[in-house]
Amino acid sequence: MKTFAYFDSRDDFFRETAYTVHGNFYEIIPADDPCCLDFDVEHYSPSQFHADGSPSDNKLAITIVTICHEAKCQWPELAVNPSPFEQVVVTTASGSAGAAYKHSFHINFPLVGFINNHKALRTFARHLSSLDALQAMSAKFQPMALIDISVYSRNQNLRIIESWKHHPRPTKEMAMEFSPPRLHTMESLLQTLVTNVLNVTHWTREAQEQDNDTVLNIRSLLHTAGLDGVGGTTELVSHHIFLCPCTGQRVSDQRSTLKTECNQSIWHIKYSHDACKKSGATIMRSLDQGETGTKGRLWMPSDWRPLHMTVA
């Protein structure tokens, strides 16, 4: 049975529920309310520890590093000033799940804000879920994405720290807890709430906010060059692709970047990725409205999954 409650403030919620014996509280993200950059992450291991006693990989470190890297590629202003990523709050409800061990985390960046959780944030989460670095195993030990993309819907609810999922015999170990453990001060508790945007220092722009004349011009030129669907800003565009635009070779788990530059009213696109950098290969192509398409065409699906190159 679900019931709804209202509290005058977030502080009041934590004060009034501090001594609740059975806490099953969730915060609701209203459809058009702002929220912080946040992710639900989970995967499974055969056991919490390996045979030698060392802990199994919870993949938390690589997940956070990848999120920060991808966000800087997606929003160049964060690459220029990455300070909003200096604060990351992690809570966990990891524990045994039948014959497996479930690694479960909620990652919140309280200094990075979005106007809602179901537009640019959902698109970004879908992109992350497609990356090779963020894949793991399900409870049945089948491949699965670490990032849960089902939580980016209108009026989504997320479990609050110190609460657990409904269970007939709850124990303290089931409750969401800080990772690593720390004191439950009011300041730290408030930082776990996705809807608490009072401390946001960087508001992420939605795609429609970038549709100025310059960007629209770049997109038109990208289309002429056979790069349909690649979004553009005047600084940097970066996407994960399967085939290198320079060599046609498969690029599995590498990062390709497209940098747009303007020289004497002619736009240039420079391709590069890690494999090409090692061999010193780069390509600079001049674009103008009269140029015909290239022999390869890149298409990017609307949900920002990996790009594919098809030969025309």
Protein backbone atom coordinates (compact mmCIF):
# COMPACT_ATOMS: atom_id res chain seq x y z
CA MET A 1 0.00 0.00 0.00
CA LYS A 2 1.43 3.37 -1.04
CA THR A 3 0.63 6.60 0.76
CA PHE A 4 1.75 10.17 0.16
CA ALA A 5 3.04 12.58 2.75
CA TYR A 6 3.97 16.26 2.68
CA PHE A 7 6.64 17.98 4.75
CA ASP A 8 7.22 21.71 5.03
CA SER A 9 10.87 21.32 4.07
CA ARG A 10 13.49 18.70 3.33
CA ASP A 11 15.04 19.42 6.72
CA ASP A 12 11.71 18.73 8.40
CA PHE A 13 11.42 15.39 6.61
CA PHE A 14 14.73 14.13 8.01
CA ARG A 15 13.98 15.47 11.49
CA GLU A 16 10.49 13.96 11.66
CA THR A 17 11.51 10.57 10.27
CA ALA A 18 14.79 10.22 12.16
CA TYR A 19 13.35 7.70 14.62
CA THR A 20 10.98 5.89 12.25
CA VAL A 21 11.36 2.14 12.84
CA HIS A 22 10.36 0.99 9.37
CA GLY A 23 11.42 3.56 6.79
CA ASN A 24 10.09 3.07 3.27
CA PHE A 25 10.38 6.63 2.00
CA TYR A 26 10.82 7.74 -1.59
CA GLU A 27 11.22 11.23 -3.03
CA ILE A 28 9.14 12.14 -6.06
CA ILE A 29 10.63 14.09 -8.93
CA PRO A 30 7.67 16.08 -10.34
CA ALA A 31 7.52 16.07 -14.14
CA ASP A 32 8.57 19.69 -14.65
CA ASP A 33 10.74 20.23 -11.58
CA PRO A 34 14.54 20.56 -11.73
CA CYS A 35 16.84 17.85 -10.43
CA CYS A 36 20.50 17.00 -10.02
CA LEU A 37 22.62 14.77 -12.24
CA ASP A 38 21.92 11.33 -10.78
CA PHE A 39 22.13 7.66 -11.66
CA ASP A 40 20.87 4.32 -10.41
CA VAL A 41 23.63 1.75 -10.85
CA GLU A 42 23.43 -1.97 -10.23
CA HIS A 43 24.97 -5.26 -11.29
CA TYR A 44 25.69 -8.70 -9.84
CA SER A 45 28.67 -10.84 -8.86
CA PRO A 46 28.76 -14.52 -7.83
CA SER A 47 29.94 -13.40 -4.39
CA GLN A 48 30.90 -10.29 -2.46
CA PHE A 49 34.46 -11.61 -2.20
CA HIS A 50 36.81 -13.59 -4.40
CA ALA A 51 38.36 -16.87 -3.28
CA ASP A 52 41.46 -15.02 -2.04
CA GLY A 53 39.35 -12.77 0.18
CA SER A 54 39.59 -9.66 -1.98
CA PRO A 55 36.30 -7.85 -2.68
CA SER A 56 34.62 -8.32 -6.03
CA ASP A 57 34.67 -5.29 -8.31
CA ASN A 58 31.70 -3.02 -7.59
CA LYS A 59 32.61 -0.96 -10.69
CA LEU A 60 31.85 2.24 -8.80
CA ALA A 61 35.15 3.95 -9.59
CA ILE A 62 35.04 3.31 -13.36
CA THR A 63 31.37 4.36 -13.43
CA ILE A 64 32.04 7.75 -11.84
CA VAL A 65 35.12 8.40 -13.99
CA THR A 66 33.20 7.51 -17.16
CA ILE A 67 30.20 9.68 -16.23
CA CYS A 68 32.45 12.69 -15.66
CA HIS A 69 34.39 12.11 -18.88
CA GLU A 70 31.28 11.66 -21.00
CA ALA A 71 29.58 14.70 -19.47
CA LYS A 72 32.58 16.88 -20.30
CA CYS A 73 32.47 15.63 -23.89
CA GLN A 74 28.75 16.27 -24.11
CA TRP A 75 28.79 19.71 -22.48
CA PRO A 76 32.11 21.44 -23.32
CA GLU A 77 31.61 24.12 -20.66
CA LEU A 78 32.06 21.38 -18.03
CA ALA A 79 35.40 20.47 -19.60
CA VAL A 80 36.47 24.10 -19.24
CA ASN A 81 35.29 24.28 -15.63
CA PRO A 82 34.95 20.76 -14.12
CA SER A 83 34.53 22.00 -10.54
CA PRO A 84 30.84 20.88 -10.36
CA PHE A 85 32.11 17.28 -10.47
CA GLU A 86 34.24 17.74 -7.37
CA GLN A 87 31.27 16.82 -5.21
CA VAL A 88 29.70 13.40 -5.71
CA VAL A 89 27.44 11.68 -3.19
CA VAL A 90 27.07 7.90 -3.28
CA THR A 91 24.56 5.81 -1.35
CA THR A 92 24.31 2.03 -1.49
CA ALA A 93 21.95 -0.81 -0.76
CA SER A 94 24.29 -3.59 -1.86
CA GLY A 95 23.74 -7.04 -0.40
CA SER A 96 23.09 -10.71 -1.01
CA ALA A 97 20.38 -11.50 -3.56
CA GLY A 98 19.74 -15.22 -3.61
CA ALA A 99 22.76 -17.05 -4.99
CA ALA A 100 24.41 -13.81 -6.14
CA TYR A 101 25.64 -10.57 -4.62
CA LYS A 102 23.95 -7.38 -5.81
CA HIS A 103 26.03 -4.21 -6.15
CA SER A 104 23.54 -1.35 -5.91
CA PHE A 105 24.40 2.36 -5.83
CA HIS A 106 22.76 5.72 -6.26
CA ILE A 107 25.16 8.38 -7.54
CA ASN A 108 24.24 12.04 -7.17
CA PHE A 109 26.12 15.14 -8.35
CA PRO A 110 24.50 17.91 -6.24
CA LEU A 111 26.30 20.75 -8.09
CA VAL A 112 25.08 19.79 -11.60
CA GLY A 113 21.44 20.56 -12.41
CA PHE A 114 18.89 19.77 -15.13
CA ILE A 115 15.53 21.43 -15.76
CA ASN A 116 13.88 17.99 -15.42
CA ASN A 117 14.83 14.31 -15.35
CA HIS A 118 13.23 13.11 -18.58
CA LYS A 119 14.85 15.12 -21.39
CA ALA A 120 18.60 15.80 -21.66
CA LEU A 121 19.33 13.75 -18.53
CA ARG A 122 17.49 10.71 -19.88
CA THR A 123 19.22 11.07 -23.26
CA PHE A 124 22.60 11.22 -21.53
CA ALA A 125 21.80 8.15 -19.38
CA ARG A 126 20.82 6.19 -22.49
CA HIS A 127 24.10 7.14 -24.10
CA LEU A 128 26.03 5.95 -21.03
CA SER A 129 24.14 2.66 -20.97
CA SER A 130 25.47 1.87 -24.45
CA LEU A 131 29.16 2.22 -23.58
CA ASP A 132 31.32 -0.88 -23.33
CA ALA A 133 32.94 0.42 -20.13
CA LEU A 134 29.58 0.46 -18.35
CA GLN A 135 28.45 -3.11 -18.96
CA ALA A 136 28.25 -5.86 -16.34
CA MET A 137 26.24 -8.97 -15.35
CA SER A 138 22.60 -9.39 -14.33
CA ALA A 139 21.29 -11.66 -11.57
CA LYS A 140 21.20 -14.48 -14.14
CA PHE A 141 24.76 -13.56 -15.16
CA GLN A 142 23.72 -12.25 -18.54
CA PRO A 143 25.12 -9.00 -19.98
CA MET A 144 23.39 -5.84 -18.76
CA ALA A 145 24.04 -2.11 -18.62
CA LEU A 146 25.19 -0.70 -15.28
CA ILE A 147 23.03 2.41 -15.69
CA ASP A 148 19.33 1.86 -15.08
CA ILE A 149 17.57 4.02 -17.71
CA SER A 150 14.06 3.21 -16.49
CA VAL A 151 14.22 5.82 -13.71
CA TYR A 152 14.06 8.86 -16.00
CA SER A 153 10.31 9.19 -16.35
CA ARG A 154 7.83 11.87 -15.34
CA ASN A 155 6.96 11.86 -11.62
CA GLN A 156 9.68 9.29 -10.96
CA ASN A 157 10.25 8.19 -7.36
CA LEU A 158 13.63 7.33 -5.86
CA ARG A 159 14.35 5.64 -2.54
CA ILE A 160 15.70 7.97 0.14
CA ILE A 161 18.70 7.27 2.33
CA GLU A 162 17.90 5.37 5.58
CA SER A 163 14.96 3.67 3.81
CA TRP A 164 14.61 0.19 2.36
CA LYS A 165 12.28 -1.53 -0.07
CA HIS A 166 9.17 -2.99 1.52
CA HIS A 167 9.97 -6.32 3.16
CA PRO A 168 8.03 -8.48 5.66
CA ARG A 169 11.13 -8.81 7.87
CA PRO A 170 13.24 -5.69 7.37
CA THR A 171 16.64 -5.33 8.95
CA LYS A 172 18.89 -2.31 9.36
CA GLU A 173 21.30 -3.69 6.74
CA MET A 174 18.61 -3.27 4.04
CA ALA A 175 18.53 0.51 4.35
CA MET A 176 20.27 2.86 1.92
CA GLU A 177 23.55 3.99 3.44
CA PHE A 178 26.41 6.28 2.51
CA SER A 179 29.29 4.75 0.57
CA PRO A 180 31.74 4.97 2.17
CA PRO A 181 29.96 5.30 5.55
CA ARG A 182 29.93 8.74 7.18
CA LEU A 183 27.99 10.74 9.75
CA HIS A 184 24.36 11.43 8.92
CA THR A 185 24.54 15.19 9.39
CA MET A 186 21.72 17.30 8.01
CA GLU A 187 24.05 18.72 5.36
CA SER A 188 25.11 15.28 4.13
CA LEU A 189 21.53 13.94 4.15
CA LEU A 190 20.25 16.85 2.07
CA GLN A 191 22.98 16.22 -0.51
CA THR A 192 21.48 12.80 -1.27
CA LEU A 193 18.16 14.24 -2.47
CA VAL A 194 17.93 14.52 -6.24
CA THR A 195 15.35 17.31 -6.02
CA ASN A 196 17.54 19.46 -3.78
CA VAL A 197 19.00 21.86 -6.35
CA LEU A 198 19.76 24.71 -3.96
CA ASN A 199 23.52 24.14 -4.28
CA VAL A 200 23.67 23.69 -8.07
CA THR A 201 26.48 25.73 -9.61
CA HIS A 202 26.09 24.52 -13.22
CA TRP A 203 22.76 24.24 -15.02
CA THR A 204 22.97 21.99 -18.05
CA ARG A 205 21.47 23.36 -21.22
CA GLU A 206 18.77 21.40 -22.99
CA ALA A 207 19.28 20.67 -26.68
CA GLN A 208 16.73 23.26 -27.81
CA GLU A 209 18.61 26.00 -26.00
CA GLN A 210 21.58 25.47 -28.33
CA ASP A 211 19.68 25.91 -31.62
CA ASN A 212 21.08 29.31 -32.52
CA ASP A 213 21.97 30.36 -36.08
CA THR A 214 25.63 29.32 -35.77
CA VAL A 215 24.79 25.84 -34.55
CA LEU A 216 22.09 25.39 -37.19
CA ASN A 217 24.64 26.37 -39.85
CA ILE A 218 27.10 23.78 -38.55
CA ARG A 219 24.42 21.10 -38.62
CA SER A 220 23.60 21.96 -42.22
CA LEU A 221 27.24 21.64 -43.19
CA LEU A 222 27.54 18.36 -41.30
CA HIS A 223 24.63 17.06 -43.36
CA THR A 224 26.36 18.11 -46.57
CA ALA A 225 29.44 16.18 -45.45
CA GLY A 226 27.41 13.03 -44.87
CA LEU A 227 27.37 13.22 -41.08
CA ASP A 228 23.64 13.23 -40.44
CA GLY A 229 22.46 13.32 -36.85
CA VAL A 230 25.71 14.57 -35.33
CA GLY A 231 24.86 17.44 -33.00
CA GLY A 232 27.06 20.50 -33.04
CA THR A 233 28.28 23.46 -31.04
CA THR A 234 30.94 25.99 -32.02
CA GLU A 235 33.45 24.22 -29.79
CA LEU A 236 33.40 20.45 -29.61
CA VAL A 237 31.22 17.56 -30.63
CA SER A 238 32.09 14.13 -29.30
CA HIS A 239 30.46 10.75 -29.84
CA HIS A 240 31.18 7.05 -29.41
CA ILE A 241 31.38 5.31 -32.79
CA PHE A 242 32.08 1.81 -34.08
CA LEU A 243 34.07 2.71 -37.22
CA CYS A 244 36.82 5.28 -37.60
CA PRO A 245 35.92 8.01 -40.15
CA CYS A 246 39.62 8.22 -41.11
CA THR A 247 40.56 4.58 -41.66
CA GLY A 248 37.27 2.67 -41.70
CA GLN A 249 38.68 0.37 -39.03
CA ARG A 250 36.51 -0.81 -36.13
CA VAL A 251 37.02 1.27 -32.99
CA SER A 252 35.73 -0.76 -30.05
CA ASP A 253 35.70 1.25 -26.79
CA GLN A 254 37.50 4.32 -28.12
CA ARG A 255 36.36 7.91 -28.20
CA SER A 256 36.03 9.80 -31.47
CA THR A 257 35.79 13.57 -31.53
CA LEU A 258 34.70 16.02 -34.18
CA LYS A 259 36.03 19.54 -33.74
CA THR A 260 34.47 22.29 -35.83
CA GLU A 261 36.52 25.33 -36.79
CA CYS A 262 35.80 28.31 -39.05
CA ASN A 263 38.52 29.82 -41.26
CA GLN A 264 37.65 32.52 -43.81
CA SER A 265 33.96 31.57 -43.75
CA ILE A 266 34.76 27.90 -44.42
CA TRP A 267 33.99 25.33 -41.75
CA HIS A 268 36.50 22.57 -41.07
CA ILE A 269 35.89 19.30 -39.25
CA LYS A 270 38.82 17.50 -37.69
CA TYR A 271 38.47 13.81 -36.89
CA SER A 272 40.60 12.09 -34.26
CA HIS A 273 40.50 9.18 -31.86
CA ASP A 274 42.95 7.29 -29.68
CA ALA A 275 43.89 4.70 -32.31
CA CYS A 276 44.58 7.38 -34.92
CA LYS A 277 46.52 9.52 -32.46
CA LYS A 278 48.92 6.64 -31.87
CA SER A 279 49.71 6.48 -35.58
CA GLY A 280 49.61 10.24 -36.04
CA ALA A 281 46.70 10.08 -38.48
CA THR A 282 44.20 12.94 -38.67
CA ILE A 283 41.86 14.24 -41.33
CA MET A 284 40.86 17.84 -41.96
CA ARG A 285 37.97 18.29 -44.38
CA SER A 286 36.81 21.68 -45.66
CA LEU A 287 33.07 22.05 -45.89
CA ASP A 288 31.02 24.40 -48.01
CA GLN A 289 27.46 24.30 -49.23
CA GLY A 290 28.53 22.91 -52.60
CA GLU A 291 30.45 19.90 -51.34
CA THR A 292 29.00 16.49 -52.10
CA GLY A 293 28.62 13.76 -49.52
CA THR A 294 31.46 11.46 -48.50
CA LYS A 295 31.61 7.74 -49.33
CA GLY A 296 30.66 6.94 -45.73
CA ARG A 297 27.64 8.33 -43.91
CA LEU A 298 27.23 8.44 -40.14
CA TRP A 299 23.76 8.14 -38.67
CA MET A 300 23.02 8.81 -35.02
CA PRO A 301 19.74 7.46 -33.60
CA SER A 302 17.65 9.89 -31.58
CA ASP A 303 18.48 8.13 -28.31
CA TRP A 304 22.23 8.74 -28.82
CA ARG A 305 23.27 5.12 -28.93
CA PRO A 306 26.61 4.37 -30.65
CA LEU A 307 26.97 5.68 -34.19
CA HIS A 308 27.23 3.34 -37.17
CA MET A 309 28.94 4.04 -40.48
CA THR A 310 27.33 2.65 -43.62
CA VAL A 311 28.86 2.79 -47.08
CA ALA A 312 26.75 4.76 -49.53
